[in-house]
Structure formats: structure tokens, C-alpha cells
């Protein structure tokens, strides 16, 4: 049975980092990247712990084994991971529904990942639903970015109800990114 909950301990963070490491772009083969997707940002336990307050990350577990996660990243972490700095700069310059996002009440879904053997079972959707349940009272939008090369993640985000609000090429990694926004209103 799969359960969805908030991350609570260093054990959760260690399992998140282990799943993250096995799905980093440099950890997987090109063919797998094209069909299974990948993650790019690297975290550490200290950063995951800091990001976990006041809004905890969401985890999916089978028994005690972590099989998926969705990370919460508030605006105040915009300079914490170098590869994400251009994303925040882009977000803060976008006008959405007449409002400069810099002034809007949003948070960033800092990364979502599902263990390979559990993909296609609805875990992605349930992680986002649990995230929405936790965050919707305090935030208008959730925003994330996905590499244009990550077709699986792009498709999943669009299916979830996210909309593409901007595409750009990062000056840090020369990667083409899509910024997605999910409007809960």
C-alpha cells in the first residue's frame, strides 16, 4: 500500500537524495533519459531540511521505502541552488493575468521524482494533489520548470493542469527550459 505524507526526518531526506541521485541526468543513459525523464538540481540534507519548513516536502512510500517525492521551495531559496537562479529570474519577470509574478503569492515545486518501477501508477498526480491540499490555502500558484528534453515530465505536467507560461535558454547550463504554472483559483 502506498501512503502520501509530509517529510519528517533525516531518514526521509536521505531517501530523497538516494532517489534523486539515481535519476540525475548524469546518472542515467540517454535512451532512458528520453523515455523515463530525469532530474537536474542537486540538493543536500541541510538544504532539504531548511526547505522543509514551514511547508514540508511531500513523500510517497510503500511501507517505509520512499518511492516518490515533491519538494517545496519558497521564494526565499531563489539563490540556494545555482542552476535554479535563472528560473527564479525568469519567473520574477513574467506577468501572468495582469500581475507581475514577483509580487504574486506562489511557491516553486522544487523537484518531483518517482522511482522507475512505480511510474505510470498515478503517484505523480497524487503527490501533486497532496501538495495542493497542503499549500492551496496559502498560495495562489505553484510554479516549476522542466527541461524541454524531458518529454515525460512535460507531458505529465500538462496532464496535471499546468500551463506553459514561458520558455527560455539558461545562461548557466545552456539548457532550454519550460516554466509551468498551475493556477489553483
Protein backbone atom coordinates (compact mmCIF):
# COMPACT_ATOMS: atom_id res chain seq x y z
CA UNK A 1 0.00 0.00 0.00
CA UNK A 2 1.33 3.43 -0.96
CA UNK A 3 0.97 6.27 1.54
CA UNK A 4 1.43 10.01 1.00
CA UNK A 5 2.72 12.18 3.78
CA UNK A 6 4.99 15.05 4.73
CA UNK A 7 8.74 14.52 5.08
CA UNK A 8 9.61 14.39 8.73
CA UNK A 9 13.17 13.25 9.30
CA UNK A 10 16.72 12.97 8.06
CA UNK A 11 15.84 9.41 7.05
CA UNK A 12 13.28 10.87 4.62
CA UNK A 13 15.87 13.34 3.31
CA UNK A 14 18.44 10.56 2.86
CA UNK A 15 15.93 8.51 0.85
CA UNK A 16 15.02 11.58 -1.24
CA UNK A 17 18.69 12.15 -2.04
CA UNK A 18 19.19 8.49 -2.95
CA UNK A 19 16.24 8.56 -5.38
CA UNK A 20 17.40 11.92 -6.72
CA UNK A 21 20.93 10.64 -7.33
CA UNK A 22 19.73 7.65 -9.32
CA UNK A 23 17.62 9.91 -11.56
CA UNK A 24 20.07 12.76 -12.19
CA UNK A 25 20.75 13.41 -15.85
CA UNK A 26 24.37 12.32 -15.47
CA UNK A 27 23.32 9.08 -13.73
CA UNK A 28 21.14 7.67 -16.50
CA UNK A 29 21.70 6.58 -20.07
CA UNK A 30 20.48 8.71 -22.97
CA UNK A 31 17.78 6.25 -24.03
CA UNK A 32 16.43 6.11 -20.51
CA UNK A 33 16.53 9.90 -20.28
CA UNK A 34 14.36 10.15 -23.37
CA UNK A 35 11.73 7.66 -22.20
CA UNK A 36 11.83 7.94 -18.40
CA UNK A 37 12.77 11.57 -17.77
CA UNK A 38 15.36 12.89 -15.35
CA UNK A 39 16.08 15.47 -12.64
CA UNK A 40 18.79 18.12 -12.74
CA UNK A 41 19.02 20.00 -9.44
CA UNK A 42 21.11 18.51 -6.64
CA UNK A 43 20.25 19.04 -3.00
CA UNK A 44 21.87 18.05 0.27
CA UNK A 45 20.37 17.12 3.64
CA UNK A 46 20.93 20.58 5.11
CA UNK A 47 19.14 22.32 2.23
CA UNK A 48 16.29 19.78 2.18
CA UNK A 49 15.85 20.32 5.91
CA UNK A 50 15.79 24.12 5.55
CA UNK A 51 13.36 23.94 2.63
CA UNK A 52 11.10 21.61 4.66
CA UNK A 53 9.94 24.45 6.93
CA UNK A 54 7.35 25.84 7.30
CA UNK A 55 5.89 23.71 4.49
CA UNK A 56 7.18 20.14 4.35
CA UNK A 57 8.02 18.20 1.22
CA UNK A 58 5.55 15.51 0.16
CA UNK A 59 6.60 11.87 0.03
CA UNK A 60 5.15 8.67 -1.36
CA UNK A 61 6.14 5.49 0.44
CA UNK A 62 5.45 1.82 0.15
CA UNK A 63 5.81 0.59 3.70
CA UNK A 64 8.87 2.57 4.85
CA UNK A 65 10.54 2.77 1.43
CA UNK A 66 10.37 6.16 -0.26
CA UNK A 67 9.23 5.76 -3.87
CA UNK A 68 8.49 9.36 -4.79
CA UNK A 69 8.72 12.94 -3.61
CA UNK A 70 7.71 16.51 -4.41
CA UNK A 71 9.92 19.25 -2.94
CA UNK A 72 8.58 22.57 -1.70
CA UNK A 73 10.79 25.58 -2.46
CA UNK A 74 9.72 29.01 -1.26
CA UNK A 75 10.88 32.25 -2.92
CA UNK A 76 13.49 32.87 -0.23
CA UNK A 77 15.51 29.91 -1.59
CA UNK A 78 15.90 31.52 -5.02
CA UNK A 79 19.69 31.76 -4.70
CA UNK A 80 20.24 28.42 -2.91
CA UNK A 81 20.87 26.25 -6.00
CA UNK A 82 22.87 27.88 -8.77
CA UNK A 83 21.16 26.01 -11.62
CA UNK A 84 17.76 27.35 -10.42
CA UNK A 85 18.75 31.03 -10.19
CA UNK A 86 17.83 31.76 -13.85
CA UNK A 87 14.42 30.13 -13.30
CA UNK A 88 13.60 32.50 -10.45
CA UNK A 89 14.86 35.46 -12.50
CA UNK A 90 12.55 34.43 -15.34
CA UNK A 91 9.58 33.81 -13.05
CA UNK A 92 10.00 37.18 -11.38
CA UNK A 93 9.86 38.96 -14.76
CA UNK A 94 6.67 37.24 -16.03
CA UNK A 95 3.31 38.97 -15.98
CA UNK A 96 0.50 36.45 -15.53
CA UNK A 97 -3.13 37.57 -15.59
CA UNK A 98 -2.05 41.20 -15.23
CA UNK A 99 0.17 40.57 -12.21
CA UNK A 100 3.96 40.50 -12.06
CA UNK A 101 4.72 37.06 -10.63
CA UNK A 102 7.45 38.55 -8.46
CA UNK A 103 4.63 40.13 -6.48
CA UNK A 104 2.32 37.12 -6.61
CA UNK A 105 1.80 34.56 -3.91
CA UNK A 106 3.48 31.49 -5.44
CA UNK A 107 5.91 28.79 -4.45
CA UNK A 108 8.10 26.55 -6.59
CA UNK A 109 7.73 22.81 -6.71
CA UNK A 110 11.46 22.29 -6.42
CA UNK A 111 11.58 18.81 -7.92
CA UNK A 112 9.34 15.79 -8.34
CA UNK A 113 10.59 12.26 -8.87
CA UNK A 114 9.07 8.80 -8.89
CA UNK A 115 11.07 5.58 -8.64
CA UNK A 116 11.22 3.94 -12.07
CA UNK A 117 9.35 0.75 -11.10
CA UNK A 118 6.39 2.81 -9.83
CA UNK A 119 5.90 5.18 -12.77
CA UNK A 120 2.60 5.21 -14.60
CA UNK A 121 0.62 4.28 -11.47
CA UNK A 122 -0.76 7.74 -10.65
CA UNK A 123 1.82 8.59 -7.99
CA UNK A 124 2.81 11.83 -9.77
CA UNK A 125 -0.81 13.00 -9.68
CA UNK A 126 -1.33 12.03 -6.06
CA UNK A 127 1.88 13.77 -4.96
CA UNK A 128 0.67 16.97 -6.61
CA UNK A 129 -2.82 16.59 -5.11
CA UNK A 130 -1.32 16.19 -1.64
CA UNK A 131 0.91 19.20 -2.31
CA UNK A 132 -2.12 21.24 -3.39
CA UNK A 133 -4.04 20.16 -0.27
CA UNK A 134 -1.14 21.36 1.88
CA UNK A 135 -0.38 24.61 0.04
CA UNK A 136 -3.55 25.96 -1.65
CA UNK A 137 -4.79 27.86 1.38
CA UNK A 138 -1.62 29.99 1.48
CA UNK A 139 -0.56 30.14 -2.19
CA UNK A 140 -2.26 31.14 -5.43
CA UNK A 141 0.08 29.23 -7.77
CA UNK A 142 2.67 26.52 -7.89
CA UNK A 143 5.40 27.04 -10.49
CA UNK A 144 8.05 24.67 -11.76
CA UNK A 145 10.35 24.29 -14.72
CA UNK A 146 11.07 21.30 -16.91
CA UNK A 147 13.83 20.77 -19.44
CA UNK A 148 12.47 20.79 -22.99
CA UNK A 149 14.32 17.47 -23.43
CA UNK A 150 12.23 15.91 -20.65
CA UNK A 151 9.17 14.86 -22.65
CA UNK A 152 7.81 12.56 -19.95
CA UNK A 153 7.76 15.30 -17.31
CA UNK A 154 6.39 17.88 -19.76
CA UNK A 155 3.51 15.57 -20.66
CA UNK A 156 2.77 14.75 -17.02
CA UNK A 157 2.69 18.42 -16.01
CA UNK A 158 0.38 19.36 -18.87
CA UNK A 159 -1.92 16.45 -17.99
CA UNK A 160 -1.98 17.66 -14.37
CA UNK A 161 -3.30 21.07 -15.47
CA UNK A 162 -0.11 23.12 -15.60
CA UNK A 163 0.22 25.68 -18.37
CA UNK A 164 3.37 26.74 -20.19
CA UNK A 165 3.96 30.39 -19.30
CA UNK A 166 7.48 30.84 -20.68
CA UNK A 167 10.34 29.09 -22.44
CA UNK A 168 13.93 30.23 -22.17
CA UNK A 169 17.54 29.12 -22.55
CA UNK A 170 19.56 29.20 -19.33
CA UNK A 171 22.86 31.06 -19.31
CA UNK A 172 24.18 28.64 -16.67
CA UNK A 173 23.71 25.28 -18.38
CA UNK A 174 22.61 26.32 -21.90
CA UNK A 175 19.55 24.10 -21.39
CA UNK A 176 16.16 25.06 -22.84
CA UNK A 177 13.53 25.21 -20.08
CA UNK A 178 9.75 25.45 -19.91
CA UNK A 179 8.26 27.29 -16.95
CA UNK A 180 4.94 25.78 -15.94
CA UNK A 181 2.31 27.30 -13.67
CA UNK A 182 -0.66 25.61 -12.00
CA UNK A 183 -3.35 28.14 -11.08
CA UNK A 184 -5.45 26.80 -8.21
CA UNK A 185 -8.09 29.52 -8.49
